[in-house]
Amino acid sequence: MAALFLERQHLDRPRRRRLTVQSLTRFVEDAGGIQLDSINVVDRAHHLTLWSRFGPFRRTTLDELIYGRRVLFEYWAHVACLVPISHFPAWRRVMLDYRHRHKGWTTFLRKNPTLLRTVEAAIRDRGPLGNADFQHARPGGRRGWWDWKPATHALDFLWMSGRTTIHSRLHFQKRFDLLDRVLPTALAAPVLAAPAFRRWHLERSLHAMGAATETDLRMYLTFPRANTTERRTALREMLATGEVVEVAVAGDRARWYALARDLAPLAAAGRRDTGSQGSTLLSPFDSLLWHRERVQRLFGFDYRIEVYVPGPQRKFGYYVLPLLVDGQLVGRADTKLHRHDRRLELKHVHLEPWLVAGKAPGLSRALRGLAEAAWSLANFTGAGGVGVGRVTPASARPGLRKALEQAAGDQPLPTSPRPVE
């Protein structure tokens, strides 16, 4: 299960593929989306996710692929994501349904019937606009995440309902334009009917994970939020046609499901000595980690994003990147990029107890893998050095420092990341 999951997430050879239009498209089609997040302690989440697969690349060229050539577009899949343009007909179904089944603002928008028309007309007349172009005050002068100013409610609804789309980003702030101006060709494709979308949604989730329980299916592509009856109806239909089959997992009493076409890939993945070859650090928002309970079941790795945890209650650190080495999640590193000093800091490296006890892939291999990944990440983020603080257990710190020194000598930093082709 774990080996095929890594393969579908394009982590079977981490950082070893080249980022091209074709490889980017294949990855996002297989995974279902790349999560976006504004936190920039090391780099944006989608940049880190792509670096984990492809190594250093030029961000400007990636932006051209997304916002120029429109290989991907922004929509909700797990949460806010980049999704492949080939999936547009399916997500168009959600956009149309969102006008009646949306995630908020019902009362507000009903009380302000002219607001949507006003904001949409401004975009039509003036071209791409962002939140800052609308200077309405927040109701009652209150501040907070949900106390958005009125135009922000309208911009979000227009985007999610498919009347606009994200044209571009300026300093990571969304700029919206009319959907028919940005993606006219995509709009010409037939829209999936609601039952077909539910089957497509389930098929995409199973494809991305290789095999999954009902809980996994609920927690991977979490949008739109389907009720249990709808999801189980789609699953029963696909079981009846033979498109989906139930598979047995030794030692697990839960029901697991897979696409019938994946039975051979599952068997082949199960015969591999390791789930992947190579090392990388993962963004906290990586699609491999979207359902953390699944990660614990498959990899024995208990991970929690502690960005939102009060400082004194954090166990491992603020921005902790899991470490993947040869198919195993062997540790984690609380990581920070000091941009002014051009230094990547591993503030606290924590290695899994079973690794330290001597189980595969072995402590020395894990330390080399971390060092190689850290220097590659330093290259990608423009850092000229890698520093290390605490290491747990402390006995591994000398070995990590030695591995970092050797990796620095073995892999001199290029002057700039290689371009996307």
Protein backbone atom coordinates (compact mmCIF):
# COMPACT_ATOMS: atom_id res chain seq x y z
CA MET A 1 0.00 0.00 0.00
CA ALA A 2 2.68 2.48 1.03
CA ALA A 3 4.87 1.81 -2.01
CA LEU A 4 2.10 2.50 -4.53
CA PHE A 5 1.00 5.55 -2.53
CA LEU A 6 4.55 6.94 -2.83
CA GLU A 7 4.60 6.15 -6.55
CA ARG A 8 1.30 7.92 -7.18
CA GLN A 9 2.58 10.90 -5.20
CA HIS A 10 5.72 10.93 -7.40
CA LEU A 11 7.92 10.30 -4.39
CA ASP A 12 9.31 6.98 -5.55
CA ARG A 13 12.34 8.92 -6.86
CA PRO A 14 12.27 12.16 -4.88
CA ARG A 15 14.08 15.15 -6.41
CA ARG A 16 15.28 13.05 -9.36
CA ARG A 17 12.79 13.98 -12.07
CA ARG A 18 13.07 17.12 -14.18
CA LEU A 19 10.22 19.60 -13.97
CA THR A 20 8.73 19.92 -17.44
CA VAL A 21 5.24 20.72 -18.65
CA GLN A 22 4.60 17.00 -19.04
CA SER A 23 6.01 15.90 -15.66
CA LEU A 24 4.20 18.73 -13.84
CA THR A 25 0.91 17.78 -15.48
CA ARG A 26 1.37 14.07 -14.72
CA PHE A 27 2.14 14.75 -11.07
CA VAL A 28 -0.85 17.01 -10.45
CA GLU A 29 -3.19 14.70 -12.34
CA ASP A 30 -1.97 11.75 -10.25
CA ALA A 31 -2.07 13.55 -6.89
CA GLY A 32 -5.26 15.50 -7.61
CA GLY A 33 -3.85 18.86 -6.57
CA ILE A 34 -1.03 20.84 -4.99
CA GLN A 35 -2.02 22.63 -1.80
CA LEU A 36 -1.50 26.39 -1.55
CA ASP A 37 -0.70 28.11 1.72
CA SER A 38 0.52 31.59 2.59
CA ILE A 39 3.06 30.55 5.27
CA ASN A 40 6.54 31.39 4.01
CA VAL A 41 8.93 30.28 6.77
CA VAL A 42 11.03 28.35 4.25
CA ASP A 43 9.09 28.80 1.00
CA ARG A 44 5.49 28.66 -0.19
CA ALA A 45 3.85 25.27 0.25
CA HIS A 46 3.38 24.58 -3.47
CA HIS A 47 7.03 25.43 -4.17
CA LEU A 48 8.17 23.00 -1.48
CA THR A 49 5.85 20.27 -2.77
CA LEU A 50 7.29 20.59 -6.26
CA TRP A 51 10.88 20.82 -5.00
CA SER A 52 10.34 17.53 -3.11
CA ARG A 53 9.62 15.84 -6.44
CA PHE A 54 11.79 17.76 -8.89
CA GLY A 55 14.57 19.51 -7.01
CA PRO A 56 15.40 23.19 -7.66
CA PHE A 57 13.51 24.99 -10.44
CA ARG A 58 12.85 28.58 -11.47
CA ARG A 59 9.78 30.05 -9.85
CA THR A 60 9.23 32.56 -12.64
CA THR A 61 8.96 29.76 -15.18
CA LEU A 62 6.52 27.87 -12.95
CA ASP A 63 4.38 31.01 -12.70
CA GLU A 64 4.36 31.22 -16.49
CA LEU A 65 3.12 27.63 -16.71
CA ILE A 66 0.34 28.32 -14.20
CA TYR A 67 -0.77 31.86 -15.02
CA GLY A 68 0.50 32.17 -18.59
CA ARG A 69 0.07 28.82 -20.30
CA ARG A 70 -2.70 27.78 -17.86
CA VAL A 71 -1.41 24.23 -17.39
CA LEU A 72 -2.95 24.39 -13.89
CA PHE A 73 -5.66 26.55 -12.34
CA GLU A 74 -6.60 27.40 -8.78
CA TYR A 75 -9.60 25.82 -7.11
CA TRP A 76 -10.50 23.87 -3.99
CA ALA A 77 -9.73 20.12 -4.03
CA HIS A 78 -8.37 19.22 -0.60
CA VAL A 79 -8.38 22.87 0.38
CA ALA A 80 -7.16 25.68 -1.91
CA CYS A 81 -5.07 23.92 -4.54
CA LEU A 82 -3.54 24.07 -7.96
CA VAL A 83 -5.39 21.50 -10.07
CA PRO A 84 -4.76 20.37 -13.66
CA ILE A 85 -6.67 22.02 -16.49
CA SER A 86 -7.60 18.53 -17.72
CA HIS A 87 -9.80 18.19 -14.60
CA PHE A 88 -11.70 21.41 -15.35
CA PRO A 89 -14.92 19.72 -16.64
CA ALA A 90 -15.26 17.88 -13.32
CA TRP A 91 -14.60 20.91 -11.13
CA ARG A 92 -16.94 22.95 -13.33
CA ARG A 93 -19.72 20.73 -11.96
CA VAL A 94 -18.75 21.87 -8.45
CA MET A 95 -18.64 25.51 -9.51
CA LEU A 96 -22.19 25.35 -10.83
CA ASP A 97 -23.43 23.50 -7.75
CA TYR A 98 -21.66 25.97 -5.47
CA ARG A 99 -24.19 28.61 -6.39
CA HIS A 100 -26.68 26.58 -4.35
CA ARG A 101 -24.45 24.51 -2.00
CA HIS A 102 -21.60 26.74 -0.91
CA LYS A 103 -19.32 26.97 2.09
CA GLY A 104 -20.57 30.20 3.63
CA TRP A 105 -21.84 33.76 3.37
CA THR A 106 -25.46 32.73 2.59
CA THR A 107 -27.07 35.25 4.91
CA PHE A 108 -24.60 38.00 4.07
CA LEU A 109 -24.99 37.67 0.30
CA ARG A 110 -28.78 37.46 0.49
CA LYS A 111 -28.80 40.73 2.42
CA ASN A 112 -26.54 42.34 -0.19
CA PRO A 113 -28.03 41.29 -3.57
CA THR A 114 -26.32 44.05 -5.55
CA LEU A 115 -22.84 43.38 -4.19
CA LEU A 116 -22.03 40.44 -6.48
CA ARG A 117 -23.21 42.37 -9.54
CA THR A 118 -21.18 45.43 -8.55
CA VAL A 119 -17.94 43.51 -7.98
CA GLU A 120 -18.39 41.40 -11.11
CA ALA A 121 -19.07 44.54 -13.19
CA ALA A 122 -15.91 46.19 -11.84
CA ILE A 123 -13.82 43.19 -12.93
CA ARG A 124 -15.52 43.15 -16.34
CA ASP A 125 -14.81 46.85 -16.87
CA ARG A 126 -11.37 47.21 -15.29
CA GLY A 127 -9.76 43.81 -15.84
CA PRO A 128 -8.04 41.66 -13.15
CA LEU A 129 -8.66 42.98 -9.64
CA GLY A 130 -7.71 41.86 -6.15
CA ASN A 131 -9.05 42.34 -2.68
CA ALA A 132 -7.06 45.56 -2.19
CA ASP A 133 -8.87 47.16 -5.15
CA PHE A 134 -12.08 47.22 -3.12
CA GLN A 135 -11.81 49.52 -0.15
CA HIS A 136 -14.99 48.74 1.79
CA ALA A 137 -14.62 48.70 5.58
CA ARG A 138 -15.34 45.58 7.59
CA PRO A 139 -18.83 45.49 9.12
CA GLY A 140 -18.80 47.19 12.52
CA GLY A 141 -15.08 47.88 12.28
CA ARG A 142 -14.29 44.37 13.55
CA ARG A 143 -11.15 42.53 12.59
CA GLY A 144 -10.58 38.83 12.18
CA TRP A 145 -10.35 35.98 9.71
CA TRP A 146 -14.11 35.65 9.20
CA ASP A 147 -14.87 39.38 9.40
CA TRP A 148 -13.93 39.91 5.78
CA LYS A 149 -14.84 43.21 4.18
CA PRO A 150 -17.96 42.96 1.97
CA ALA A 151 -16.17 42.79 -1.39
CA THR A 152 -14.03 39.90 -0.13
CA HIS A 153 -17.17 37.82 0.41
CA ALA A 154 -18.23 38.62 -3.13
CA LEU A 155 -14.82 37.86 -4.67
CA ASP A 156 -14.71 34.49 -2.94
CA PHE A 157 -18.22 33.55 -4.05
CA LEU A 158 -17.65 34.67 -7.64
CA TRP A 159 -14.48 32.55 -7.80
CA MET A 160 -15.90 29.45 -6.17
CA SER A 161 -19.07 29.58 -8.29
CA GLY A 162 -17.07 29.85 -11.50
CA ARG A 163 -18.03 33.32 -12.59
CA THR A 164 -14.42 34.43 -12.13
CA THR A 165 -11.11 32.64 -11.75
CA ILE A 166 -7.69 33.56 -10.41
CA HIS A 167 -5.91 35.40 -13.18
CA SER A 168 -2.58 35.82 -11.37
CA ARG A 169 -1.01 36.56 -8.01
CA LEU A 170 0.89 39.67 -6.93
CA HIS A 171 2.96 39.13 -3.76
CA PHE A 172 0.86 35.99 -3.33
CA GLN A 173 -2.37 38.04 -3.32
CA LYS A 174 -5.04 36.72 -5.70
CA ARG A 175 -6.14 38.80 -8.70
CA PHE A 176 -9.46 37.78 -10.25
CA ASP A 177 -10.75 38.02 -13.80
CA LEU A 178 -13.82 36.69 -15.61
CA LEU A 179 -13.59 32.96 -16.19
CA ASP A 180 -14.64 33.21 -19.83
CA ARG A 181 -11.76 35.62 -20.50
CA VAL A 182 -9.11 33.50 -18.77
CA LEU A 183 -10.14 29.95 -19.70
CA PRO A 184 -12.40 30.19 -22.77
CA THR A 185 -11.21 26.89 -24.25
CA ALA A 186 -11.78 24.97 -21.00
CA LEU A 187 -15.31 26.36 -20.78
CA ALA A 188 -16.18 24.70 -24.08
CA ALA A 189 -15.73 21.20 -22.62
CA PRO A 190 -18.88 19.30 -21.50
CA VAL A 191 -19.62 19.53 -17.78
CA LEU A 192 -19.94 16.29 -15.79
CA ALA A 193 -23.38 15.43 -14.44
CA ALA A 194 -23.63 15.23 -10.65
CA PRO A 195 -23.61 11.39 -10.37
CA ALA A 196 -20.69 11.16 -12.81
CA PHE A 197 -18.79 13.75 -10.78
CA ARG A 198 -19.20 11.74 -7.58
CA ARG A 199 -17.76 8.67 -9.29
CA TRP A 200 -14.96 10.73 -10.83
CA HIS A 201 -14.15 12.22 -7.42
CA LEU A 202 -13.92 8.77 -5.85
CA GLU A 203 -11.87 7.40 -8.76
CA ARG A 204 -9.38 10.28 -8.51
CA SER A 205 -8.96 9.75 -4.78
CA LEU A 206 -8.40 6.01 -5.18
CA HIS A 207 -5.94 6.63 -8.00
CA ALA A 208 -3.96 9.13 -5.90
CA MET A 209 -3.73 6.79 -2.91
CA GLY A 210 -3.49 3.41 -4.66
CA ALA A 211 -5.81 1.84 -2.08
CA ALA A 212 -7.94 3.45 0.61
CA THR A 213 -10.49 2.99 3.34
CA GLU A 214 -13.75 4.92 3.41
CA THR A 215 -12.17 7.32 5.89
CA ASP A 216 -9.21 7.85 3.58
CA LEU A 217 -11.62 8.68 0.76
CA ARG A 218 -13.37 11.24 2.93
CA MET A 219 -10.15 12.89 4.07
CA TYR A 220 -8.10 13.09 0.86
CA LEU A 221 -10.04 15.24 -1.62
CA THR A 222 -12.16 16.89 1.04
CA PHE A 223 -14.01 19.29 -1.26
CA PRO A 224 -16.84 19.35 -1.99
CA ARG A 225 -18.04 17.89 1.27
CA ALA A 226 -20.23 14.96 0.24
CA ASN A 227 -22.58 13.32 2.69
CA THR A 228 -21.97 9.69 3.63
CA THR A 229 -24.94 8.43 1.64
CA GLU A 230 -23.76 10.04 -1.61
CA ARG A 231 -20.22 8.73 -1.21
CA ARG A 232 -21.34 5.20 -0.36
CA THR A 233 -23.80 5.18 -3.25
CA ALA A 234 -21.00 6.05 -5.68
CA LEU A 235 -18.79 3.39 -4.11
CA ARG A 236 -21.51 0.71 -4.39
CA GLU A 237 -22.10 1.61 -8.02
CA MET A 238 -18.40 1.29 -8.83
CA LEU A 239 -18.16 -2.00 -6.94
CA ALA A 240 -21.14 -3.32 -8.88
CA THR A 241 -19.57 -2.44 -12.23
CA GLY A 242 -16.24 -3.94 -11.18
CA GLU A 243 -14.37 -0.65 -11.54
CA VAL A 244 -13.60 -0.78 -7.81
CA VAL A 245 -12.75 -3.92 -5.84
CA GLU A 246 -12.36 -4.65 -2.15
CA VAL A 247 -8.85 -5.70 -1.13
CA ALA A 248 -7.64 -7.44 2.01
CA VAL A 249 -4.87 -5.92 4.12
CA ALA A 250 -3.12 -8.27 6.52
CA GLY A 251 -3.71 -7.36 10.14
CA ASP A 252 -6.26 -4.66 9.33
CA ARG A 253 -9.96 -5.26 9.91
CA ALA A 254 -10.99 -2.13 8.00
CA ARG A 255 -12.38 -2.44 4.48
CA TRP A 256 -9.91 -1.31 1.85
CA TYR A 257 -10.79 -0.46 -1.72
CA ALA A 258 -8.79 -0.09 -4.92
CA LEU A 259 -9.44 0.47 -8.59
CA ALA A 260 -9.52 -2.86 -10.42
CA ARG A 261 -6.87 -1.57 -12.81
CA ASP A 262 -4.56 -1.03 -9.81
CA LEU A 263 -4.46 -4.66 -8.63
CA ALA A 264 -1.38 -5.40 -10.72
CA PRO A 265 0.42 -2.16 -9.70
CA LEU A 266 -0.38 -2.93 -6.05
CA ALA A 267 1.12 -6.40 -6.35
CA ALA A 268 4.20 -5.07 -8.13
CA ALA A 269 4.71 -2.34 -5.53
CA GLY A 270 4.42 -4.92 -2.75
CA ARG A 271 7.34 -6.88 -4.17
CA ARG A 272 9.76 -3.95 -3.99
CA ASP A 273 12.47 -3.96 -1.34
CA THR A 274 11.88 -0.25 -0.64
CA GLY A 275 8.98 2.06 -1.41
CA SER A 276 11.26 4.66 -2.93
CA GLN A 277 14.91 5.43 -3.52
CA GLY A 278 16.34 8.74 -2.38
CA SER A 279 15.61 11.39 0.19
CA THR A 280 13.65 14.60 0.53
CA LEU A 281 11.97 16.87 3.04
CA LEU A 282 8.21 17.33 2.76
CA SER A 283 6.09 20.43 3.14
CA PRO A 284 3.66 20.22 6.08
CA PHE A 285 0.94 20.66 3.42
CA ASP A 286 2.20 17.94 1.08
CA SER A 287 -0.52 15.76 -0.44
CA LEU A 288 1.19 12.67 1.02
CA LEU A 289 0.28 14.10 4.44
CA TRP A 290 -3.27 15.30 3.75
CA HIS A 291 -4.75 12.53 5.90
CA ARG A 292 -2.32 12.21 8.78
CA GLU A 293 -4.02 9.19 10.37
CA ARG A 294 -3.44 7.32 7.10
CA VAL A 295 0.24 8.30 7.23
CA GLN A 296 0.47 6.85 10.71
CA ARG A 297 -1.15 3.58 9.56
CA LEU A 298 1.05 3.17 6.48
CA PHE A 299 4.37 4.57 7.70
CA GLY A 300 4.14 4.43 11.50
CA PHE A 301 4.76 8.19 11.53
CA ASP A 302 2.74 10.40 13.87
CA TYR A 303 2.71 13.88 12.36
CA ARG A 304 0.95 17.04 13.38
CA ILE A 305 1.22 20.53 11.90
CA GLU A 306 2.23 22.62 14.89
CA VAL A 307 2.06 26.03 13.21
CA TYR A 308 -1.34 26.51 14.83
CA VAL A 309 -0.30 25.12 18.23
CA PRO A 310 0.68 27.62 20.98
CA GLY A 311 4.46 27.77 21.34
CA PRO A 312 4.74 26.15 24.78
CA GLN A 313 2.64 23.21 23.62
CA ARG A 314 4.69 22.40 20.51
CA LYS A 315 6.51 19.09 20.64
CA PHE A 316 8.76 19.36 17.59
CA GLY A 317 8.66 22.99 16.43
CA TYR A 318 6.85 25.63 14.40
CA TYR A 319 7.49 24.59 10.77
CA VAL A 320 8.43 20.95 10.83
CA LEU A 321 9.32 19.15 7.60
CA PRO A 322 9.05 15.33 7.62
CA LEU A 323 12.11 13.50 6.30
CA LEU A 324 11.56 10.77 3.71
CA VAL A 325 14.49 8.39 3.11
CA ASP A 326 14.20 5.28 0.92
CA GLY A 327 10.46 5.00 1.37
CA GLN A 328 10.40 5.54 5.14
CA LEU A 329 9.48 8.63 7.14
CA VAL A 330 12.50 8.53 9.43
CA GLY A 331 12.43 11.90 11.17
CA ARG A 332 11.54 15.56 10.99
CA ALA A 333 13.28 18.92 11.01
CA ASP A 334 11.97 22.22 12.36
CA THR A 335 13.28 24.38 9.52
CA LYS A 336 13.67 28.13 8.97
CA LEU A 337 15.16 30.16 6.14
CA HIS A 338 17.07 33.24 7.32
CA ARG A 339 16.76 35.28 4.14
CA HIS A 340 18.92 38.20 5.23
CA ASP A 341 21.78 35.88 6.19
CA ARG A 342 21.13 33.48 3.29
CA ARG A 343 21.16 30.56 5.70
CA LEU A 344 18.88 27.55 6.02
CA GLU A 345 18.60 26.46 9.65
CA LEU A 346 17.61 23.01 10.86
CA LYS A 347 16.53 24.28 14.26
CA HIS A 348 15.63 20.89 15.70
CA VAL A 349 16.14 17.56 13.99
CA HIS A 350 14.23 14.69 15.57
CA LEU A 351 14.94 11.15 14.40
CA GLU A 352 12.48 8.31 14.93
CA PRO A 353 13.45 5.98 17.83
CA TRP A 354 13.21 2.86 15.66
CA LEU A 355 15.75 4.37 13.25
CA VAL A 356 18.20 5.09 16.04
CA ALA A 357 17.71 1.52 17.27
CA GLY A 358 19.25 0.27 14.06
CA LYS A 359 16.40 -0.59 11.71
CA ALA A 360 16.54 0.08 7.95
CA PRO A 361 17.42 2.34 6.23
CA GLY A 362 20.00 2.86 8.97
CA LEU A 363 21.06 5.96 10.86
CA SER A 364 24.06 6.84 8.70
CA ARG A 365 21.99 6.53 5.51
CA ALA A 366 19.27 8.74 7.02
CA LEU A 367 21.79 11.40 8.03
CA ARG A 368 23.30 11.43 4.54
CA GLY A 369 19.81 11.69 3.05
CA LEU A 370 18.92 14.61 5.30
CA ALA A 371 22.17 16.38 4.46
CA GLU A 372 21.66 15.94 0.71
CA ALA A 373 18.07 17.17 0.93
CA ALA A 374 19.00 20.13 3.14
CA TRP A 375 21.67 21.36 0.72
CA SER A 376 19.31 20.95 -2.23
CA LEU A 377 16.67 22.96 -0.36
CA ALA A 378 19.28 25.60 0.47
CA ASN A 379 20.11 25.85 -3.23
CA PHE A 380 16.43 26.19 -4.10
CA THR A 381 15.74 28.92 -1.54
CA GLY A 382 18.88 30.93 -2.26
CA ALA A 383 20.73 30.05 0.95
CA GLY A 384 24.49 29.75 0.89
CA GLY A 385 24.77 27.68 4.06
CA VAL A 386 23.02 25.10 6.22
CA GLY A 387 23.11 25.28 10.00
CA VAL A 388 21.96 22.73 12.54
CA GLY A 389 20.77 23.31 16.11
CA ARG A 390 19.35 20.61 18.36
CA VAL A 391 19.37 16.99 17.32
CA THR A 392 17.35 14.26 19.05
CA PRO A 393 19.04 12.06 20.04
CA ALA A 394 22.03 14.30 20.73
CA SER A 395 24.38 11.42 19.91
CA ALA A 396 23.41 11.81 16.22
CA ARG A 397 24.49 15.46 16.02
CA PRO A 398 28.17 14.84 15.18
CA GLY A 399 27.17 12.43 12.43
CA LEU A 400 24.73 14.94 10.96
CA ARG A 401 27.30 17.75 11.01
CA LYS A 402 29.79 15.50 9.22
CA ALA A 403 27.17 14.50 6.65
CA LEU A 404 26.33 18.17 6.02
CA GLU A 405 30.00 19.02 5.51
CA GLN A 406 30.43 16.13 3.09
CA ALA A 407 27.24 17.00 1.18
CA ALA A 408 28.41 20.59 0.82
CA GLY A 409 31.63 19.36 -0.76
CA ASP A 410 30.05 16.67 -2.90
CA GLN A 411 27.29 18.90 -4.27
CA PRO A 412 28.55 22.44 -4.83
CA LEU A 413 25.69 24.87 -5.24
CA PRO A 414 25.01 26.02 -8.79
CA THR A 415 24.67 29.74 -9.41
CA SER A 416 20.94 29.37 -10.18
CA PRO A 417 18.36 26.59 -10.23
CA ARG A 418 17.88 24.79 -13.51
CA PRO A 419 14.99 26.05 -15.61
CA VAL A 420 11.68 24.35 -16.19
CA GLU A 421 11.43 22.98 -19.72
